[in-house]
C-alpha atoms as a PDB file:
ATOM      1  CA  THR A   1     -12.181  12.724 -29.442  1.00  0.00           C
ATOM      2  CA  LYS A   2      -8.623  11.931 -28.569  1.00  0.00           C
ATOM      3  CA  GLY A   3      -8.006  15.349 -26.982  1.00  0.00           C
ATOM      4  CA  SER A   4     -10.700  14.811 -24.361  1.00  0.00           C
ATOM      5  CA  GLN A   5      -9.139  11.642 -22.923  1.00  0.00           C
ATOM      6  CA  ILE A   6      -7.139  11.748 -19.706  1.00  0.00           C
ATOM      7  CA  PRO A   7      -3.456  11.526 -20.665  1.00  0.00           C
ATOM      8  CA  PHE A   8      -2.059   8.045 -20.026  1.00  0.00           C
ATOM      9  CA  CYS A   9       0.620   9.418 -17.673  1.00  0.00           C
ATOM     10  CA  PHE A  10      -2.099  10.661 -15.278  1.00  0.00           C
ATOM     11  CA  GLN A  11      -4.057   7.400 -15.080  1.00  0.00           C
ATOM     12  CA  ARG A  12      -3.451   5.301 -11.968  1.00  0.00           C
ATOM     13  CA  MET A  13      -3.004   1.776 -13.316  1.00  0.00           C
ATOM     14  CA  ILE A  14      -3.572  -0.945 -10.726  1.00  0.00           C
ATOM     15  CA  VAL A  15      -0.662  -3.387 -10.639  1.00  0.00           C
ATOM     16  CA  ASP A  16      -1.297  -7.061  -9.808  1.00  0.00           C
ATOM     17  CA  ILE A  17       0.573  -8.026  -6.645  1.00  0.00           C
ATOM     18  CA  ARG A  18       2.094 -11.026  -8.462  1.00  0.00           C
ATOM     19  CA  ASP A  19       3.744  -8.545 -10.873  1.00  0.00           C
ATOM     20  CA  ILE A  20       5.261  -6.079  -8.400  1.00  0.00           C
ATOM     21  CA  ARG A  21       9.032  -6.052  -8.018  1.00  0.00           C
ATOM     22  CA  GLU A  22      11.430  -4.627  -5.462  1.00  0.00           C
ATOM     23  CA  GLY A  23      12.412  -1.075  -6.362  1.00  0.00           C
ATOM     24  CA  GLN A  24       9.181  -0.053  -8.080  1.00  0.00           C
ATOM     25  CA  ARG A  25       7.961   3.359  -6.926  1.00  0.00           C
ATOM     26  CA  ASN A  26       4.615   5.163  -6.835  1.00  0.00           C
ATOM     27  CA  ILE A  27       2.539   2.171  -7.916  1.00  0.00           C
ATOM     28  CA  THR A  28      -1.125   1.451  -7.148  1.00  0.00           C
ATOM     29  CA  ILE A  29      -2.381  -1.847  -5.722  1.00  0.00           C
ATOM     30  CA  GLN A  30      -5.858  -2.920  -4.702  1.00  0.00           C
ATOM     31  CA  GLY A  31      -7.133  -5.825  -2.639  1.00  0.00           C
ATOM     32  CA  GLN A  32      -8.568  -7.192   0.565  1.00  0.00           C
ATOM     33  CA  VAL A  33      -7.027  -6.541   3.977  1.00  0.00           C
ATOM     34  CA  LEU A  34      -6.262  -9.991   5.422  1.00  0.00           C
ATOM     35  CA  ASP A  35      -5.707  -9.112   9.062  1.00  0.00           C
ATOM     36  CA  ASP A  36      -6.429  -6.257  11.435  1.00  0.00           C
ATOM     37  CA  PRO A  37      -3.621  -3.671  11.234  1.00  0.00           C
ATOM     38  CA  VAL A  38      -0.969  -3.699  13.960  1.00  0.00           C
ATOM     39  CA  GLN A  39       0.685  -0.420  14.937  1.00  0.00           C
ATOM     40  CA  ARG A  40       4.010   0.092  16.682  1.00  0.00           C
ATOM     41  CA  ASP A  41       6.502   2.839  17.434  1.00  0.00           C
ATOM     42  CA  ILE A  42      10.064   2.265  16.250  1.00  0.00           C
ATOM     43  CA  GLU A  43      13.386   4.079  16.060  1.00  0.00           C
ATOM     44  CA  THR A  44      14.584   4.888  12.542  1.00  0.00           C
ATOM     45  CA  VAL A  45      17.678   6.689  11.268  1.00  0.00           C
ATOM     46  CA  ARG A  46      15.406   9.767  11.043  1.00  0.00           C
ATOM     47  CA  GLY A  47      14.219   9.393  14.646  1.00  0.00           C
ATOM     48  CA  PRO A  48      11.115   7.845  16.199  1.00  0.00           C
ATOM     49  CA  ALA A  49       8.294   6.861  13.859  1.00  0.00           C
ATOM     50  CA  THR A  50       4.963   5.049  13.929  1.00  0.00           C
ATOM     51  CA  VAL A  51       4.327   2.212  11.474  1.00  0.00           C
ATOM     52  CA  THR A  52       1.197   0.152  10.858  1.00  0.00           C
ATOM     53  CA  ASN A  53       1.458  -3.282   9.206  1.00  0.00           C
ATOM     54  CA  PHE A  54      -1.068  -5.635   7.632  1.00  0.00           C
ATOM     55  CA  ARG A  55      -1.308  -8.054   4.715  1.00  0.00           C
ATOM     56  CA  ILE A  56      -3.274  -7.491   1.502  1.00  0.00           C
ATOM     57  CA  ASP A  57      -4.391  -9.999  -1.156  1.00  0.00           C
ATOM     58  CA  ASP A  58      -5.669  -9.102  -4.626  1.00  0.00           C
ATOM     59  CA  GLY A  59      -6.376 -12.631  -5.880  1.00  0.00           C
ATOM     60  CA  THR A  60      -3.035 -12.797  -7.745  1.00  0.00           C
ATOM     61  CA  GLY A  61      -0.811 -12.658  -4.678  1.00  0.00           C
ATOM     62  CA  GLU A  62      -0.228 -11.354  -1.194  1.00  0.00           C
ATOM     63  CA  ALA A  63       1.925  -8.492   0.096  1.00  0.00           C
ATOM     64  CA  ARG A  64       2.909  -7.073   3.452  1.00  0.00           C
ATOM     65  CA  VAL A  65       1.977  -3.386   3.785  1.00  0.00           C
ATOM     66  CA  SER A  66       3.888  -0.897   5.969  1.00  0.00           C
ATOM     67  CA  LEU A  67       2.279   2.506   6.332  1.00  0.00           C
ATOM     68  CA  TRP A  68       4.305   5.195   8.081  1.00  0.00           C
ATOM     69  CA  ARG A  69       3.621   8.267  10.187  1.00  0.00           C
ATOM     70  CA  GLU A  70       0.295   9.970   9.291  1.00  0.00           C
ATOM     71  CA  HIS A  71      -0.593   7.022   7.033  1.00  0.00           C
ATOM     72  CA  ALA A  72      -0.039   4.692  10.009  1.00  0.00           C
ATOM     73  CA  GLU A  73      -2.746   6.512  11.958  1.00  0.00           C
ATOM     74  CA  GLU A  74      -5.171   6.440   9.013  1.00  0.00           C
ATOM     75  CA  ALA A  75      -4.604   2.684   8.531  1.00  0.00           C
ATOM     76  CA  MET A  76      -5.741   1.905  12.073  1.00  0.00           C
ATOM     77  CA  ASP A  77      -9.324   2.530  10.883  1.00  0.00           C
ATOM     78  CA  LEU A  78      -9.024  -0.486   8.538  1.00  0.00           C
ATOM     79  CA  THR A  79     -10.260  -3.947   9.486  1.00  0.00           C
ATOM     80  CA  ALA A  80      -9.719  -7.426   8.107  1.00  0.00           C
ATOM     81  CA  GLY A  81     -11.966  -7.967   5.096  1.00  0.00           C
ATOM     82  CA  ALA A  82     -11.955  -4.346   3.915  1.00  0.00           C
ATOM     83  CA  GLU A  83     -11.344  -3.756   0.204  1.00  0.00           C
ATOM     84  CA  ILE A  84      -8.808  -0.968  -0.305  1.00  0.00           C
ATOM     85  CA  ARG A  85      -6.746   0.752  -2.977  1.00  0.00           C
ATOM     86  CA  LEU A  86      -3.294   2.072  -2.110  1.00  0.00           C
ATOM     87  CA  GLU A  87      -1.884   4.690  -4.468  1.00  0.00           C
ATOM     88  CA  TYR A  88       1.712   5.913  -4.660  1.00  0.00           C
ATOM     89  CA  VAL A  89       3.309   3.084  -2.664  1.00  0.00           C
ATOM     90  CA  ASN A  90       6.873   1.833  -3.046  1.00  0.00           C
ATOM     91  CA  VAL A  91       7.988  -1.787  -3.275  1.00  0.00           C
ATOM     92  CA  ARG A  92      10.623  -2.989  -0.807  1.00  0.00           C
ATOM     93  CA  GLU A  93      12.578  -6.215  -0.403  1.00  0.00           C
ATOM     94  CA  PRO A  94      10.590  -9.281   0.700  1.00  0.00           C
ATOM     95  CA  PHE A  95      10.197  -9.900   4.449  1.00  0.00           C
ATOM     96  CA  ASP A  96       9.229 -13.350   5.782  1.00  0.00           C
ATOM     97  CA  GLY A  97       8.746 -14.466   2.170  1.00  0.00           C
ATOM     98  CA  LEU A  98       6.259 -11.696   1.290  1.00  0.00           C
ATOM     99  CA  ILE A  99       6.976  -8.735  -0.972  1.00  0.00           C
ATOM    100  CA  GLN A 100       6.559  -5.478   0.961  1.00  0.00           C
ATOM    101  CA  VAL A 101       4.925  -2.233  -0.050  1.00  0.00           C
ATOM    102  CA  SER A 102       5.603   0.908   1.911  1.00  0.00           C
ATOM    103  CA  SER A 103       3.998   4.329   2.038  1.00  0.00           C
ATOM    104  CA  GLY A 104       5.697   7.455   0.771  1.00  0.00           C
ATOM    105  CA  SER A 105       4.946  11.159   1.032  1.00  0.00           C
ATOM    106  CA  PHE A 106       2.147  11.032  -1.555  1.00  0.00           C
ATOM    107  CA  THR A 107       0.494   7.728  -0.597  1.00  0.00           C
ATOM    108  CA  LYS A 108      -3.301   7.704  -0.629  1.00  0.00           C
ATOM    109  CA  ILE A 109      -5.513   5.105   1.072  1.00  0.00           C
ATOM    110  CA  HIS A 110      -8.971   4.563  -0.436  1.00  0.00           C
ATOM    111  CA  VAL A 111     -11.486   2.285   1.297  1.00  0.00           C
ATOM    112  CA  LEU A 112     -13.642   0.701  -1.400  1.00  0.00           C
ATOM    113  CA  LYS A 113     -15.665  -1.576   0.901  1.00  0.00           C
ATOM    114  CA  GLU A 114     -15.515  -1.841   4.684  1.00  0.00           C
END
């Protein structure tokens, strides 16, 4: 029956990387990690922070991923070739020709295949 279905607003729709646009918030993407994550410490306007970067490809396009703070630590367990889903990420302006997605407070990293 219709009442037993999960409300549409609670479903996490996976967005194709080719369709993501700067300014989108809290989207979900899924794909293959293209390179081993690289972590670095940087100074931000909010003070020192740790960020981990890697590229992801879902077959429709490629994006640069920046995961911050506690998500940066979690991402260091990823390796090139892993299949992952990133929930609640935000889309930033392109960098080096690639659209960027960045973690937020509610970001979740799911490893689908190592």
